[in-house]
Amino acid sequence: KLFFTDYGNAAKVERCDMDGMNRTWIVDSKIEQPTALALDLINKYVYWVDIYLDSVEVVDYQGRRRHTVIKGKQVRYLCGLAVFENYLYTVNSDNLNILRINRYNGTDVQSLGRLENAKEIRVYQKRTQTAVRSHACEVDPNGMPGGCSHICLLSSNYKARTCRCRTGFILGSDGRSCK
């Protein structure tokens, strides 16, 4: 799945398949300017920062069990968001502090240091990387990902794929080659 935010005409948090199909709004009320987004891949939760409401909120992948993690001045200028174990990690764009926030109750907010020009944050740790299994976009014997001549996108699950073409090409009737 692909998760993303939009704060155009109607602010929302959405998800879709990797090929763009099955687009679904998972949050579309009491939301103004959702920006940074982080996923808890194990428990299937989506966290986001709303820079207009000065809040960090969470919801499950289906848009249920929504609640506010933290709200107020402490989180006024947040950009970038990562989740690891019991904490959220974020950057305060006003003072460039890296913050750690308890993701279960919003307490225990700690500044871990400053980093000039930081706008994003990621946690790289082996346990945060999901195990790769065989999937529909694996390279075939002819060297084509998923049998697609240009671009292979995973679809509704890891066994399904959709072929797409680079700009200036159209997908052939076989659904795999580009012309």
N, C-alpha and C. Protein backbone atom coordinates (compact mmCIF):
# COMPACT_ATOMS: atom_id res chain seq x y z
N LYS A 1 0.83 -1.19 0.00
CA LYS A 1 0.00 0.00 0.00
C LYS A 1 0.87 1.25 0.00
N LEU A 2 0.32 2.31 -0.52
CA LEU A 2 0.95 3.62 -0.52
C LEU A 2 0.06 4.53 0.32
N PHE A 3 0.63 5.23 1.29
CA PHE A 3 -0.12 6.16 2.14
C PHE A 3 0.39 7.57 1.86
N PHE A 4 -0.53 8.54 1.82
CA PHE A 4 -0.13 9.91 1.53
C PHE A 4 -1.14 10.89 2.09
N THR A 5 -0.72 12.16 2.19
CA THR A 5 -1.58 13.22 2.69
C THR A 5 -1.88 14.21 1.57
N ASP A 6 -2.98 14.94 1.73
CA ASP A 6 -3.36 15.99 0.79
C ASP A 6 -4.08 17.06 1.59
N TYR A 7 -3.69 18.31 1.40
CA TYR A 7 -4.44 19.39 2.06
C TYR A 7 -4.83 20.46 1.06
N GLY A 8 -5.30 20.00 -0.10
CA GLY A 8 -5.82 20.91 -1.12
C GLY A 8 -7.20 21.39 -0.72
N ASN A 9 -8.20 21.17 -1.56
CA ASN A 9 -9.57 21.61 -1.27
C ASN A 9 -10.16 20.91 -0.05
N ALA A 10 -9.87 19.64 0.10
CA ALA A 10 -10.36 18.87 1.24
C ALA A 10 -9.18 18.10 1.83
N ALA A 11 -8.76 18.48 3.02
CA ALA A 11 -7.61 17.83 3.64
C ALA A 11 -7.96 16.38 3.98
N LYS A 12 -6.96 15.49 3.80
CA LYS A 12 -7.21 14.08 4.06
C LYS A 12 -5.92 13.29 4.13
N VAL A 13 -6.03 12.09 4.71
CA VAL A 13 -4.99 11.07 4.65
C VAL A 13 -5.59 9.95 3.82
N GLU A 14 -4.83 9.45 2.84
CA GLU A 14 -5.36 8.45 1.93
C GLU A 14 -4.41 7.27 1.82
N ARG A 15 -4.94 6.19 1.22
CA ARG A 15 -4.11 5.04 0.87
C ARG A 15 -4.59 4.51 -0.47
N CYS A 16 -3.69 3.84 -1.17
CA CYS A 16 -4.04 3.18 -2.43
C CYS A 16 -3.07 2.03 -2.65
N ASP A 17 -3.35 1.23 -3.65
CA ASP A 17 -2.40 0.19 -4.04
C ASP A 17 -1.20 0.88 -4.69
N MET A 18 -0.10 0.18 -4.81
CA MET A 18 1.12 0.77 -5.37
C MET A 18 0.94 1.21 -6.82
N ASP A 19 -0.06 0.67 -7.51
CA ASP A 19 -0.31 1.09 -8.90
C ASP A 19 -1.33 2.23 -8.98
N GLY A 20 -1.72 2.78 -7.83
CA GLY A 20 -2.65 3.90 -7.79
C GLY A 20 -4.12 3.52 -7.75
N MET A 21 -4.43 2.25 -7.84
CA MET A 21 -5.82 1.79 -7.82
C MET A 21 -6.31 1.68 -6.37
N ASN A 22 -7.63 1.55 -6.22
CA ASN A 22 -8.28 1.39 -4.91
C ASN A 22 -7.94 2.53 -3.94
N ARG A 23 -7.99 3.75 -4.46
CA ARG A 23 -7.72 4.93 -3.63
C ARG A 23 -8.83 5.08 -2.60
N THR A 24 -8.43 5.23 -1.34
CA THR A 24 -9.39 5.27 -0.23
C THR A 24 -9.00 6.37 0.76
N TRP A 25 -9.97 7.18 1.14
CA TRP A 25 -9.74 8.17 2.19
C TRP A 25 -9.81 7.45 3.52
N ILE A 26 -8.78 7.61 4.36
CA ILE A 26 -8.87 6.99 5.68
C ILE A 26 -9.09 8.03 6.78
N VAL A 27 -8.80 9.30 6.49
CA VAL A 27 -9.13 10.41 7.40
C VAL A 27 -9.57 11.57 6.53
N ASP A 28 -10.78 12.09 6.78
CA ASP A 28 -11.24 13.24 5.99
C ASP A 28 -12.06 14.23 6.81
N SER A 29 -12.01 14.12 8.12
CA SER A 29 -12.71 15.08 8.98
C SER A 29 -11.81 15.49 10.13
N LYS A 30 -12.04 16.70 10.64
CA LYS A 30 -11.24 17.25 11.72
C LYS A 30 -9.74 17.18 11.39
N ILE A 31 -9.44 17.61 10.18
CA ILE A 31 -8.07 17.60 9.68
C ILE A 31 -7.92 18.83 8.79
N GLU A 32 -6.78 19.53 8.89
CA GLU A 32 -6.59 20.78 8.15
C GLU A 32 -5.38 20.75 7.22
N GLN A 33 -4.19 20.55 7.76
CA GLN A 33 -2.97 20.54 6.95
C GLN A 33 -2.08 19.37 7.35
N PRO A 34 -2.46 18.16 6.95
CA PRO A 34 -1.62 17.00 7.27
C PRO A 34 -0.35 17.04 6.43
N THR A 35 0.78 16.87 7.08
CA THR A 35 2.04 16.92 6.34
C THR A 35 2.80 15.62 6.55
N ALA A 36 3.68 15.60 7.51
CA ALA A 36 4.53 14.44 7.73
C ALA A 36 3.69 13.21 8.07
N LEU A 37 4.15 12.06 7.58
CA LEU A 37 3.41 10.80 7.75
C LEU A 37 4.41 9.71 8.10
N ALA A 38 4.01 8.81 9.02
CA ALA A 38 4.87 7.67 9.38
C ALA A 38 3.98 6.46 9.61
N LEU A 39 4.50 5.29 9.27
CA LEU A 39 3.74 4.04 9.41
C LEU A 39 4.34 3.15 10.48
N ASP A 40 3.47 2.56 11.27
CA ASP A 40 3.83 1.45 12.15
C ASP A 40 3.45 0.21 11.36
N LEU A 41 4.42 -0.40 10.69
CA LEU A 41 4.16 -1.53 9.80
C LEU A 41 3.71 -2.78 10.54
N ILE A 42 4.14 -2.94 11.76
CA ILE A 42 3.79 -4.14 12.53
C ILE A 42 2.35 -4.08 13.00
N ASN A 43 1.95 -2.98 13.63
CA ASN A 43 0.59 -2.85 14.17
C ASN A 43 -0.39 -2.22 13.20
N LYS A 44 0.10 -1.79 12.02
CA LYS A 44 -0.71 -1.21 10.96
C LYS A 44 -1.42 0.08 11.41
N TYR A 45 -0.59 1.04 11.84
CA TYR A 45 -1.07 2.37 12.21
C TYR A 45 -0.40 3.43 11.34
N VAL A 46 -1.14 4.52 11.09
CA VAL A 46 -0.64 5.67 10.34
C VAL A 46 -0.61 6.86 11.29
N TYR A 47 0.54 7.47 11.44
CA TYR A 47 0.71 8.68 12.25
C TYR A 47 0.90 9.85 11.30
N TRP A 48 0.37 11.02 11.67
CA TRP A 48 0.61 12.21 10.84
C TRP A 48 0.66 13.45 11.72
N VAL A 49 1.34 14.46 11.18
CA VAL A 49 1.43 15.78 11.79
C VAL A 49 0.45 16.68 11.07
N ASP A 50 -0.37 17.42 11.82
CA ASP A 50 -1.23 18.46 11.23
C ASP A 50 -0.65 19.79 11.68
N ILE A 51 0.01 20.51 10.76
CA ILE A 51 0.71 21.74 11.13
C ILE A 51 -0.23 22.90 11.41
N TYR A 52 -1.47 22.81 10.96
CA TYR A 52 -2.44 23.87 11.25
C TYR A 52 -3.06 23.65 12.64
N LEU A 53 -3.35 22.42 12.98
CA LEU A 53 -3.96 22.09 14.27
C LEU A 53 -2.94 21.85 15.38
N ASP A 54 -1.64 21.96 15.05
CA ASP A 54 -0.56 21.71 16.02
C ASP A 54 -0.77 20.39 16.74
N SER A 55 -0.90 19.32 15.95
CA SER A 55 -1.16 18.03 16.57
C SER A 55 -0.46 16.90 15.82
N VAL A 56 -0.30 15.80 16.54
CA VAL A 56 0.13 14.53 15.96
C VAL A 56 -0.97 13.55 16.28
N GLU A 57 -1.51 12.89 15.23
CA GLU A 57 -2.61 11.96 15.42
C GLU A 57 -2.27 10.60 14.83
N VAL A 58 -3.09 9.62 15.15
CA VAL A 58 -2.88 8.26 14.69
C VAL A 58 -4.21 7.61 14.37
N VAL A 59 -4.19 6.71 13.39
CA VAL A 59 -5.38 5.97 12.98
C VAL A 59 -4.89 4.63 12.42
N ASP A 60 -5.73 3.60 12.44
CA ASP A 60 -5.30 2.34 11.84
C ASP A 60 -5.47 2.42 10.32
N TYR A 61 -5.02 1.40 9.62
CA TYR A 61 -5.03 1.42 8.16
C TYR A 61 -6.43 1.57 7.56
N GLN A 62 -7.47 1.22 8.31
CA GLN A 62 -8.84 1.34 7.81
C GLN A 62 -9.50 2.66 8.23
N GLY A 63 -8.79 3.50 8.96
CA GLY A 63 -9.35 4.78 9.39
C GLY A 63 -10.08 4.69 10.72
N ARG A 64 -9.89 3.63 11.44
CA ARG A 64 -10.54 3.45 12.74
C ARG A 64 -9.54 3.71 13.86
N ARG A 65 -10.05 3.75 15.09
CA ARG A 65 -9.25 3.91 16.31
C ARG A 65 -8.40 5.18 16.28
N ARG A 66 -8.97 6.25 15.76
CA ARG A 66 -8.25 7.52 15.68
C ARG A 66 -8.15 8.16 17.05
N HIS A 67 -6.99 8.70 17.35
CA HIS A 67 -6.82 9.52 18.54
C HIS A 67 -5.62 10.45 18.39
N THR A 68 -5.60 11.47 19.23
CA THR A 68 -4.53 12.45 19.23
C THR A 68 -3.42 11.98 20.16
N VAL A 69 -2.20 11.96 19.64
CA VAL A 69 -1.05 11.58 20.45
C VAL A 69 -0.61 12.76 21.29
N ILE A 70 -0.48 13.93 20.66
CA ILE A 70 -0.06 15.15 21.35
C ILE A 70 -0.57 16.35 20.58
N LYS A 71 -0.89 17.42 21.31
CA LYS A 71 -1.42 18.64 20.69
C LYS A 71 -0.91 19.84 21.47
N GLY A 72 -0.62 20.93 20.76
CA GLY A 72 -0.25 22.16 21.44
C GLY A 72 1.07 22.75 20.97
N LYS A 73 1.56 23.72 21.77
CA LYS A 73 2.75 24.47 21.41
C LYS A 73 4.00 23.60 21.22
N GLN A 74 4.09 22.52 21.96
CA GLN A 74 5.27 21.65 21.86
C GLN A 74 5.47 21.10 20.45
N VAL A 75 4.38 20.97 19.70
CA VAL A 75 4.44 20.37 18.37
C VAL A 75 4.03 21.35 17.27
N ARG A 76 4.25 22.64 17.52
CA ARG A 76 3.79 23.67 16.59
C ARG A 76 4.51 23.65 15.25
N TYR A 77 5.78 23.39 15.20
CA TYR A 77 6.56 23.54 13.96
C TYR A 77 7.17 22.22 13.47
N LEU A 78 6.44 21.15 13.58
CA LEU A 78 7.01 19.86 13.23
C LEU A 78 7.03 19.61 11.73
N CYS A 79 8.11 18.99 11.28
CA CYS A 79 8.21 18.50 9.92
C CYS A 79 8.98 17.18 9.98
N GLY A 80 8.64 16.27 9.13
CA GLY A 80 9.27 14.96 9.19
C GLY A 80 8.75 14.16 10.36
N LEU A 81 8.57 12.87 10.17
CA LEU A 81 8.05 12.02 11.23
C LEU A 81 8.50 10.59 10.98
N ALA A 82 8.95 9.93 12.04
CA ALA A 82 9.34 8.52 11.96
C ALA A 82 8.85 7.84 13.23
N VAL A 83 8.56 6.56 13.13
CA VAL A 83 8.13 5.79 14.30
C VAL A 83 9.10 4.64 14.49
N PHE A 84 9.49 4.42 15.74
CA PHE A 84 10.35 3.29 16.08
C PHE A 84 10.11 2.93 17.54
N GLU A 85 9.78 1.67 17.74
CA GLU A 85 9.47 1.14 19.06
C GLU A 85 8.42 2.01 19.74
N ASN A 86 8.68 2.56 20.93
CA ASN A 86 7.66 3.30 21.67
C ASN A 86 7.62 4.79 21.36
N TYR A 87 8.39 5.23 20.38
CA TYR A 87 8.53 6.67 20.18
C TYR A 87 8.31 7.12 18.75
N LEU A 88 7.92 8.38 18.64
CA LEU A 88 7.89 9.10 17.37
C LEU A 88 9.11 10.02 17.37
N TYR A 89 9.73 10.15 16.22
CA TYR A 89 10.87 11.06 16.07
C TYR A 89 10.49 12.08 15.02
N THR A 90 10.80 13.35 15.31
CA THR A 90 10.40 14.43 14.41
C THR A 90 11.39 15.58 14.49
N VAL A 91 11.25 16.52 13.57
CA VAL A 91 12.12 17.69 13.53
C VAL A 91 11.26 18.93 13.74
N ASN A 92 11.70 19.81 14.63
CA ASN A 92 11.05 21.10 14.82
C ASN A 92 11.71 22.07 13.85
N SER A 93 10.96 22.54 12.85
CA SER A 93 11.55 23.39 11.81
C SER A 93 11.87 24.79 12.29
N ASP A 94 11.35 25.19 13.45
CA ASP A 94 11.62 26.52 13.99
C ASP A 94 13.00 26.58 14.65
N ASN A 95 13.31 25.59 15.49
CA ASN A 95 14.58 25.62 16.20
C ASN A 95 15.53 24.49 15.79
N LEU A 96 15.10 23.65 14.80
CA LEU A 96 15.89 22.55 14.23
C LEU A 96 16.24 21.45 15.24
N ASN A 97 15.46 21.36 16.31
CA ASN A 97 15.65 20.29 17.28
C ASN A 97 15.07 18.99 16.77
N ILE A 98 15.76 17.89 17.05
CA ILE A 98 15.23 16.55 16.81
C ILE A 98 14.51 16.16 18.09
N LEU A 99 13.22 15.81 17.98
CA LEU A 99 12.41 15.48 19.16
C LEU A 99 12.04 14.01 19.18
N ARG A 100 11.93 13.48 20.39
CA ARG A 100 11.43 12.13 20.62
C ARG A 100 10.19 12.26 21.49
N ILE A 101 9.07 11.65 21.02
CA ILE A 101 7.78 11.75 21.71
C ILE A 101 7.25 10.35 21.97
N ASN A 102 6.81 10.09 23.20
CA ASN A 102 6.17 8.82 23.50
C ASN A 102 4.91 8.71 22.66
N ARG A 103 4.82 7.70 21.81
CA ARG A 103 3.70 7.60 20.86
C ARG A 103 2.42 7.07 21.47
N TYR A 104 2.48 6.58 22.68
CA TYR A 104 1.27 6.05 23.32
C TYR A 104 0.52 7.07 24.15
N ASN A 105 1.24 8.06 24.68
CA ASN A 105 0.53 9.05 25.50
C ASN A 105 1.02 10.48 25.31
N GLY A 106 1.94 10.71 24.39
CA GLY A 106 2.38 12.07 24.09
C GLY A 106 3.26 12.69 25.14
N THR A 107 3.59 11.95 26.19
CA THR A 107 4.46 12.49 27.24
C THR A 107 5.90 12.22 26.88
N ASP A 108 6.77 12.57 27.79
CA ASP A 108 8.18 12.27 27.63
C ASP A 108 8.71 12.84 26.31
N VAL A 109 8.42 14.11 26.05
CA VAL A 109 8.96 14.79 24.86
C VAL A 109 10.38 15.23 25.20
N GLN A 110 11.34 14.73 24.43
CA GLN A 110 12.74 15.07 24.69
C GLN A 110 13.39 15.60 23.43
N SER A 111 14.23 16.61 23.62
CA SER A 111 15.06 17.11 22.53
C SER A 111 16.33 16.27 22.51
N LEU A 112 16.64 15.70 21.35
CA LEU A 112 17.82 14.84 21.23
C LEU A 112 19.01 15.57 20.63
N GLY A 113 18.82 16.82 20.24
CA GLY A 113 19.91 17.59 19.64
C GLY A 113 19.39 18.43 18.48
N ARG A 114 20.30 19.16 17.87
CA ARG A 114 19.97 20.03 16.74
C ARG A 114 20.65 19.53 15.49
N LEU A 115 19.99 19.79 14.36
CA LEU A 115 20.58 19.42 13.08
C LEU A 115 20.21 20.51 12.08
N GLU A 116 21.20 21.26 11.62
CA GLU A 116 20.97 22.38 10.70
C GLU A 116 20.26 21.91 9.43
N ASN A 117 19.26 22.66 9.00
CA ASN A 117 18.53 22.45 7.75
C ASN A 117 17.79 21.12 7.67
N ALA A 118 17.53 20.48 8.77
CA ALA A 118 16.80 19.20 8.75
C ALA A 118 15.32 19.47 8.45
N LYS A 119 14.76 18.72 7.53
CA LYS A 119 13.33 18.83 7.19
C LYS A 119 12.65 17.47 7.22
N GLU A 120 13.42 16.41 7.36
CA GLU A 120 12.89 15.05 7.33
C GLU A 120 13.72 14.19 8.26
N ILE A 121 13.12 13.10 8.71
CA ILE A 121 13.83 12.19 9.60
C ILE A 121 13.41 10.75 9.29
N ARG A 122 14.35 9.84 9.35
CA ARG A 122 14.07 8.42 9.12
C ARG A 122 14.85 7.60 10.14
N VAL A 123 14.28 6.48 10.53
CA VAL A 123 14.96 5.53 11.40
C VAL A 123 15.36 4.35 10.53
N TYR A 124 16.65 4.05 10.51
CA TYR A 124 17.14 2.89 9.78
C TYR A 124 17.65 1.88 10.80
N GLN A 125 16.94 0.80 10.90
CA GLN A 125 17.28 -0.25 11.83
C GLN A 125 16.73 -1.53 11.26
N LYS A 126 17.46 -2.61 11.38
CA LYS A 126 17.07 -3.86 10.74
C LYS A 126 15.64 -4.28 11.07
N ARG A 127 15.21 -4.08 12.31
CA ARG A 127 13.85 -4.50 12.71
C ARG A 127 12.75 -3.67 12.04
N THR A 128 13.09 -2.48 11.51
CA THR A 128 12.06 -1.67 10.85
C THR A 128 11.90 -2.04 9.39
N GLN A 129 12.77 -2.90 8.86
CA GLN A 129 12.71 -3.30 7.47
C GLN A 129 11.94 -4.62 7.36
N THR A 130 10.87 -4.61 6.61
CA THR A 130 10.09 -5.83 6.46
C THR A 130 10.84 -6.83 5.59
N ALA A 131 10.66 -8.10 5.88
CA ALA A 131 11.31 -9.14 5.10
C ALA A 131 10.74 -9.14 3.69
N VAL A 132 11.60 -9.27 2.70
CA VAL A 132 11.17 -9.29 1.31
C VAL A 132 10.83 -10.72 0.93
N ARG A 133 9.65 -10.88 0.36
CA ARG A 133 9.27 -12.20 -0.15
C ARG A 133 9.20 -12.10 -1.67
N SER A 134 9.08 -13.22 -2.33
CA SER A 134 8.97 -13.14 -3.78
C SER A 134 7.70 -12.35 -4.12
N HIS A 135 7.75 -11.63 -5.22
CA HIS A 135 6.62 -10.77 -5.58
C HIS A 135 6.46 -10.72 -7.10
N ALA A 136 5.34 -10.16 -7.52
CA ALA A 136 4.97 -10.15 -8.93
C ALA A 136 5.87 -9.29 -9.80
N CYS A 137 6.67 -8.40 -9.23
CA CYS A 137 7.54 -7.53 -10.02
C CYS A 137 9.00 -8.00 -10.05
N GLU A 138 9.23 -9.23 -9.65
CA GLU A 138 10.59 -9.77 -9.73
C GLU A 138 11.01 -9.86 -11.20
N VAL A 139 12.28 -9.73 -11.43
CA VAL A 139 12.83 -9.77 -12.79
C VAL A 139 12.65 -11.18 -13.37
N ASP A 140 12.11 -11.24 -14.60
CA ASP A 140 11.91 -12.54 -15.25
C ASP A 140 13.20 -12.97 -15.96
N PRO A 141 13.22 -14.16 -16.57
CA PRO A 141 14.45 -14.64 -17.25
C PRO A 141 14.95 -13.71 -18.36
N ASN A 142 14.07 -12.87 -18.92
CA ASN A 142 14.47 -11.93 -19.97
C ASN A 142 14.95 -10.59 -19.40
N GLY A 143 15.04 -10.51 -18.08
CA GLY A 143 15.50 -9.28 -17.44
C GLY A 143 14.45 -8.20 -17.30
N MET A 144 13.17 -8.55 -17.49
CA MET A 144 12.09 -7.56 -17.39
C MET A 144 11.38 -7.71 -16.05
N PRO A 145 11.22 -6.62 -15.30
CA PRO A 145 10.54 -6.70 -14.00
C PRO A 145 9.07 -7.11 -14.17
N GLY A 146 8.72 -8.24 -13.61
CA GLY A 146 7.34 -8.72 -13.70
C GLY A 146 6.89 -9.01 -15.11
N GLY A 147 7.82 -9.11 -16.04
CA GLY A 147 7.45 -9.33 -17.44
C GLY A 147 7.03 -8.05 -18.14
N CYS A 148 7.17 -6.91 -17.48
CA CYS A 148 6.79 -5.61 -18.06
C CYS A 148 7.99 -5.02 -18.80
N SER A 149 7.74 -4.45 -19.98
CA SER A 149 8.86 -3.91 -20.74
C SER A 149 9.42 -2.62 -20.14
N HIS A 150 8.61 -1.84 -19.40
CA HIS A 150 9.11 -0.60 -18.82
C HIS A 150 9.01 -0.58 -17.30
N ILE A 151 7.81 -0.46 -16.77
CA ILE A 151 7.62 -0.26 -15.33
C ILE A 151 6.65 -1.30 -14.78
N CYS A 152 7.01 -1.90 -13.66
CA CYS A 152 6.14 -2.87 -12.98
C CYS A 152 5.75 -2.28 -11.63
N LEU A 153 4.45 -2.22 -11.35
CA LEU A 153 3.94 -1.72 -10.08
C LEU A 153 3.15 -2.83 -9.39
N LEU A 154 3.43 -3.04 -8.11
CA LEU A 154 2.64 -4.01 -7.37
C LEU A 154 1.21 -3.51 -7.31
N SER A 155 0.27 -4.42 -7.31
CA SER A 155 -1.15 -4.05 -7.34
C SER A 155 -1.78 -4.31 -5.98
N SER A 156 -2.89 -5.03 -5.94
CA SER A 156 -3.65 -5.22 -4.70
C SER A 156 -2.94 -6.08 -3.66
N ASN A 157 -1.96 -6.88 -4.09
CA ASN A 157 -1.16 -7.66 -3.15
C ASN A 157 0.17 -7.97 -3.82
N TYR A 158 1.06 -8.64 -3.10
CA TYR A 158 2.40 -8.88 -3.63
C TYR A 158 2.44 -9.87 -4.79
N LYS A 159 1.33 -10.56 -5.05
CA LYS A 159 1.28 -11.52 -6.16
C LYS A 159 0.69 -10.91 -7.43
N ALA A 160 0.14 -9.70 -7.33
CA ALA A 160 -0.49 -9.05 -8.48
C ALA A 160 0.33 -7.84 -8.91
N ARG A 161 0.34 -7.55 -10.23
CA ARG A 161 1.10 -6.41 -10.72
C ARG A 161 0.37 -5.74 -11.87
N THR A 162 0.77 -4.50 -12.13
CA THR A 162 0.27 -3.72 -13.25
C THR A 162 1.47 -3.17 -14.00
N CYS A 163 1.48 -3.32 -15.30
CA CYS A 163 2.56 -2.76 -16.12
C CYS A 163 2.19 -1.35 -16.55
N ARG A 164 3.16 -0.47 -16.58
CA ARG A 164 2.99 0.90 -17.05
C ARG A 164 4.15 1.24 -17.98
N CYS A 165 3.97 2.31 -18.73
CA CYS A 165 4.99 2.73 -19.70
C CYS A 165 5.57 4.09 -19.31
N ARG A 166 6.81 4.31 -19.75
CA ARG A 166 7.43 5.63 -19.57
C ARG A 166 6.68 6.64 -20.43
N THR A 167 6.88 7.91 -20.13
CA THR A 167 6.26 9.01 -20.87
C THR A 167 6.57 8.87 -22.36
N GLY A 168 5.54 9.05 -23.17
CA GLY A 168 5.70 8.98 -24.62
C GLY A 168 5.42 7.61 -25.20
N PHE A 169 5.13 6.64 -24.36
CA PHE A 169 4.82 5.28 -24.80
C PHE A 169 3.42 4.91 -24.36
N ILE A 170 2.81 3.95 -25.05
CA ILE A 170 1.50 3.44 -24.65
C ILE A 170 1.60 1.93 -24.45
N LEU A 171 0.77 1.43 -23.55
CA LEU A 171 0.78 0.01 -23.23
C LEU A 171 0.12 -0.77 -24.35
N GLY A 172 0.80 -1.83 -24.78
CA GLY A 172 0.26 -2.68 -25.84
C GLY A 172 -0.90 -3.52 -25.37
N SER A 173 -1.56 -4.18 -26.31
CA SER A 173 -2.75 -4.99 -26.01
C SER A 173 -2.42 -6.18 -25.11
N ASP A 174 -1.16 -6.58 -25.06
CA ASP A 174 -0.78 -7.70 -24.19
C ASP A 174 -0.68 -7.30 -22.73
N GLY A 175 -0.79 -5.97 -22.43
CA GLY A 175 -0.74 -5.47 -21.06
C GLY A 175 0.65 -5.49 -20.46
N ARG A 176 1.68 -5.76 -21.28
CA ARG A 176 3.06 -5.85 -20.77
C ARG A 176 4.06 -5.03 -21.55
N SER A 177 3.90 -4.97 -22.87
CA SER A 177 4.89 -4.27 -23.70
C SER A 177 4.43 -2.85 -24.01
N CYS A 178 5.42 -1.97 -24.17
CA CYS A 178 5.14 -0.56 -24.46
C CYS A 178 5.57 -0.23 -25.88
N LYS A 179 4.78 0.61 -26.54
CA LYS A 179 5.05 1.00 -27.92
C LYS A 179 5.05 2.50 -28.05
